[in-house]
Amino acid sequence: MMQYLNETPVASIIFLFTVITSIYAFNDRQLMGNFIFHPYTVSKGSKVYTFITSGLIHADWMHLIFNMFTFYFFAFKLEMMIGHWQFGLLYFLGLVLSDVPSLIKHKDNYGYQSLGASGAISAVLFSYILFEPTTLLLVMFIPMPAVLFAVLYLYYSWYMGKRGQDNIGHDAHFFGALTGLVFTIVFVPGIIPNFIEKLTLGIQYLTGSR
């Protein structure tokens, strides 16, 4: 644990704080209510802080475990790649910007609420994919190149967000992912040539060409 705190302090603090706050909120409905993102209320100028706090709580254990599992595998590596303050800013922007579409879409819907760190974690994952586009991700127990997963993920999130027939924050996933891509392109010089080079090498490896 001390190694993580020394090498990746920002990711470590976010991870620990999110886990602790989420578990506490499972048994404290008042805290859950104060932290949850409620577009109707935010659109009236109240509880604007929930852009951030809603990412520190989760609906249930499965929601928390899935998000923190993804965070664990990519966030710590990413912080070492882009730097401490850059990672912190990326995560912050991922939390805020991923909720903006929900604010716009549901500002008149009193019954709509959202919570969880999925938007920010999507930003982390997609930033990482720009660094390592050919790394294999296990999707439904199927190994898949990260760049292929990224394309399918963006399309699925856009399509399901447009349909809006379930309670999953697909818009947050989509715009969180875009935040991660744009942020990394802006703040990491040479990331596009790096992406193209690694993708080209990966394709050459798969096809056996040189």
Protein backbone atom coordinates (compact mmCIF):
# COMPACT_ATOMS: atom_id res chain seq x y z
CA MET A 1 0.00 0.00 0.00
CA MET A 2 2.83 2.41 0.84
CA GLN A 3 4.32 1.81 -2.59
CA TYR A 4 1.06 2.85 -4.23
CA LEU A 5 0.84 5.95 -2.03
CA ASN A 6 4.39 6.94 -2.93
CA GLU A 7 4.23 6.25 -6.66
CA THR A 8 0.57 7.04 -7.41
CA PRO A 9 -0.75 9.18 -4.53
CA VAL A 10 -3.69 10.71 -6.41
CA ALA A 11 -5.10 7.40 -7.67
CA SER A 12 -4.53 5.83 -4.25
CA ILE A 13 -6.44 8.54 -2.41
CA ILE A 14 -9.30 8.48 -4.92
CA PHE A 15 -9.53 4.68 -4.69
CA LEU A 16 -9.53 4.57 -0.90
CA PHE A 17 -11.88 7.50 -0.48
CA THR A 18 -14.36 6.13 -3.03
CA VAL A 19 -14.43 2.70 -1.42
CA ILE A 20 -14.82 4.07 2.11
CA THR A 21 -17.47 6.65 1.18
CA SER A 22 -19.46 4.14 -0.88
CA ILE A 23 -19.51 1.56 1.90
CA TYR A 24 -20.51 4.19 4.43
CA ALA A 25 -23.31 5.43 2.15
CA PHE A 26 -24.73 1.89 1.83
CA ASN A 27 -25.78 2.23 5.46
CA ASP A 28 -26.49 5.96 5.58
CA ARG A 29 -29.38 7.02 3.37
CA GLN A 30 -28.97 10.66 4.37
CA LEU A 31 -25.39 10.72 3.08
CA MET A 32 -26.51 8.93 -0.07
CA GLY A 33 -29.21 11.55 -0.61
CA ASN A 34 -26.83 14.44 -0.03
CA PHE A 35 -24.15 13.07 -2.38
CA ILE A 36 -26.31 11.76 -5.27
CA PHE A 37 -26.55 13.75 -8.51
CA HIS A 38 -30.06 15.11 -9.04
CA PRO A 39 -30.23 17.14 -12.28
CA TYR A 40 -33.50 18.84 -11.37
CA THR A 41 -32.00 20.25 -8.16
CA VAL A 42 -28.66 21.14 -9.74
CA SER A 43 -30.39 22.97 -12.58
CA LYS A 44 -32.00 25.22 -9.94
CA GLY A 45 -28.54 26.14 -8.63
CA SER A 46 -28.50 23.85 -5.59
CA LYS A 47 -26.14 21.00 -4.65
CA VAL A 48 -23.77 21.73 -7.52
CA TYR A 49 -21.11 19.89 -5.51
CA THR A 50 -22.84 16.62 -6.42
CA PHE A 51 -21.04 16.72 -9.77
CA ILE A 52 -18.13 15.46 -7.64
CA THR A 53 -19.72 13.69 -4.69
CA SER A 54 -21.95 11.48 -6.85
CA GLY A 55 -18.75 9.83 -8.08
CA LEU A 56 -17.82 8.87 -4.54
CA ILE A 57 -20.89 6.69 -3.93
CA HIS A 58 -22.34 3.62 -5.65
CA ALA A 59 -25.71 1.93 -5.84
CA ASP A 60 -24.62 -1.44 -4.43
CA TRP A 61 -21.64 -3.74 -3.91
CA MET A 62 -21.61 -5.00 -7.50
CA HIS A 63 -21.59 -1.43 -8.85
CA LEU A 64 -18.72 -0.52 -6.54
CA ILE A 65 -16.66 -3.66 -7.19
CA PHE A 66 -16.98 -3.39 -10.97
CA ASN A 67 -15.93 0.25 -11.03
CA MET A 68 -13.05 -0.18 -8.59
CA PHE A 69 -11.86 -3.30 -10.39
CA THR A 70 -11.54 -1.27 -13.60
CA PHE A 71 -9.99 1.65 -11.71
CA TYR A 72 -7.40 -0.64 -10.11
CA PHE A 73 -6.18 -2.08 -13.39
CA PHE A 74 -5.83 1.20 -15.29
CA ALA A 75 -5.75 4.26 -13.00
CA PHE A 76 -2.49 3.53 -11.20
CA LYS A 77 -0.66 2.79 -14.46
CA LEU A 78 -2.11 5.91 -16.05
CA GLU A 79 -1.00 8.21 -13.23
CA MET A 80 2.58 7.00 -13.70
CA MET A 81 2.25 7.68 -17.43
CA ILE A 82 0.81 11.20 -17.36
CA GLY A 83 1.79 12.56 -13.94
CA HIS A 84 0.05 13.27 -10.65
CA TRP A 85 -1.71 16.59 -11.22
CA GLN A 86 -2.59 15.59 -14.77
CA PHE A 87 -4.27 12.43 -13.52
CA GLY A 88 -6.14 14.36 -10.82
CA LEU A 89 -7.37 16.91 -13.36
CA LEU A 90 -8.41 14.19 -15.80
CA TYR A 91 -10.43 12.41 -13.12
CA PHE A 92 -12.04 15.65 -11.95
CA LEU A 93 -13.04 16.62 -15.50
CA GLY A 94 -14.30 13.10 -16.13
CA LEU A 95 -16.59 13.34 -13.11
CA VAL A 96 -17.98 16.76 -14.04
CA LEU A 97 -18.22 16.62 -17.83
CA SER A 98 -19.73 13.14 -17.93
CA ASP A 99 -22.69 14.43 -15.89
CA VAL A 100 -23.35 17.52 -18.02
CA PRO A 101 -25.42 15.65 -20.67
CA SER A 102 -27.58 14.15 -17.89
CA LEU A 103 -28.08 17.62 -16.44
CA ILE A 104 -29.27 18.93 -19.80
CA LYS A 105 -31.43 15.93 -20.63
CA HIS A 106 -33.05 15.47 -17.21
CA LYS A 107 -33.18 18.99 -15.76
CA ASP A 108 -36.99 18.87 -15.75
CA ASN A 109 -37.25 15.25 -14.59
CA TYR A 110 -37.61 15.35 -10.80
CA GLY A 111 -37.41 11.56 -10.51
CA TYR A 112 -34.05 11.13 -12.20
CA GLN A 113 -30.89 10.63 -10.12
CA SER A 114 -27.46 9.21 -10.87
CA LEU A 115 -24.41 8.08 -8.94
CA GLY A 116 -21.15 6.24 -9.42
CA ALA A 117 -17.69 6.88 -10.81
CA SER A 118 -18.33 5.32 -14.22
CA GLY A 119 -17.89 8.55 -16.18
CA ALA A 120 -14.53 9.36 -14.63
CA ILE A 121 -13.37 5.75 -14.94
CA SER A 122 -14.33 5.78 -18.62
CA ALA A 123 -12.10 8.85 -18.98
CA VAL A 124 -9.25 6.95 -17.30
CA LEU A 125 -9.73 3.87 -19.45
CA PHE A 126 -9.84 5.76 -22.74
CA SER A 127 -6.83 7.83 -21.83
CA TYR A 128 -4.96 4.59 -21.16
CA ILE A 129 -6.09 3.15 -24.50
CA LEU A 130 -4.36 6.02 -26.32
CA PHE A 131 -1.11 4.89 -24.68
CA GLU A 132 -1.68 1.17 -25.17
CA PRO A 133 -4.20 0.62 -28.01
CA THR A 134 -3.28 -3.04 -28.57
CA THR A 135 -3.40 -4.22 -24.97
CA LEU A 136 -5.89 -7.05 -24.53
CA LEU A 137 -8.99 -6.41 -22.45
CA LEU A 138 -11.16 -9.23 -21.17
CA VAL A 139 -14.72 -8.40 -22.25
CA MET A 140 -17.35 -10.95 -21.22
CA PHE A 141 -14.45 -13.43 -20.87
CA ILE A 142 -13.39 -12.70 -24.46
CA PRO A 143 -9.92 -11.14 -25.04
CA MET A 144 -10.25 -8.06 -27.23
CA PRO A 145 -7.74 -5.41 -28.39
CA ALA A 146 -8.34 -2.19 -26.48
CA VAL A 147 -8.85 -0.11 -29.62
CA LEU A 148 -11.61 -2.44 -30.84
CA PHE A 149 -13.23 -2.34 -27.42
CA ALA A 150 -13.09 1.48 -27.52
CA VAL A 151 -14.96 1.65 -30.82
CA LEU A 152 -17.64 -0.81 -29.69
CA TYR A 153 -17.96 0.87 -26.28
CA LEU A 154 -18.48 4.32 -27.78
CA TYR A 155 -21.07 3.06 -30.26
CA TYR A 156 -22.93 1.03 -27.64
CA SER A 157 -22.95 3.91 -25.12
CA TRP A 158 -24.16 6.39 -27.77
CA TYR A 159 -26.87 4.02 -29.02
CA MET A 160 -28.16 3.03 -25.60
CA GLY A 161 -28.02 6.62 -24.36
CA LYS A 162 -30.13 7.66 -27.33
CA ARG A 163 -32.70 4.95 -26.57
CA GLY A 164 -32.78 5.76 -22.85
CA GLN A 165 -34.70 2.61 -21.93
CA ASP A 166 -32.74 1.51 -18.88
CA ASN A 167 -31.34 3.04 -15.70
CA ILE A 168 -27.69 2.90 -16.76
CA GLY A 169 -25.84 6.19 -17.33
CA HIS A 170 -24.80 5.53 -20.92
CA ASP A 171 -24.42 9.26 -21.61
CA ALA A 172 -21.97 9.52 -18.73
CA HIS A 173 -19.98 6.59 -20.12
CA PHE A 174 -19.87 8.12 -23.59
CA PHE A 175 -18.90 11.65 -22.57
CA GLY A 176 -16.52 10.41 -19.90
CA ALA A 177 -14.70 8.41 -22.56
CA LEU A 178 -14.56 11.44 -24.86
CA THR A 179 -13.20 13.53 -21.99
CA GLY A 180 -10.37 11.03 -21.52
CA LEU A 181 -9.50 11.09 -25.22
CA VAL A 182 -9.57 14.87 -25.62
CA PHE A 183 -7.72 15.53 -22.36
CA THR A 184 -4.91 13.15 -23.27
CA ILE A 185 -4.53 14.55 -26.77
CA VAL A 186 -4.29 18.08 -25.35
CA PHE A 187 -2.04 17.41 -22.36
CA VAL A 188 0.26 14.64 -23.62
CA PRO A 189 2.49 15.79 -26.51
CA GLY A 190 3.09 13.09 -29.08
CA ILE A 191 0.27 10.83 -27.95
CA ILE A 192 -1.28 10.59 -31.44
CA PRO A 193 1.99 9.46 -33.11
CA ASN A 194 2.45 7.02 -30.21
CA PHE A 195 -1.06 5.67 -30.74
CA ILE A 196 -0.57 5.26 -34.50
CA GLU A 197 2.84 3.63 -34.10
CA LYS A 198 1.68 1.08 -31.53
CA LEU A 199 -1.48 0.34 -33.49
CA THR A 200 0.54 -0.15 -36.68
CA LEU A 201 3.00 -2.46 -34.93
CA GLY A 202 0.12 -4.42 -33.47
CA ILE A 203 -1.51 -4.87 -36.88
CA GLN A 204 1.81 -5.90 -38.41
CA TYR A 205 2.30 -8.45 -35.65
CA LEU A 206 -1.15 -9.95 -36.20
CA THR A 207 -0.80 -10.10 -39.97
CA GLY A 208 2.79 -11.28 -39.91
CA SER A 209 3.94 -8.40 -42.12
CA ARG A 210 7.06 -6.30 -41.52
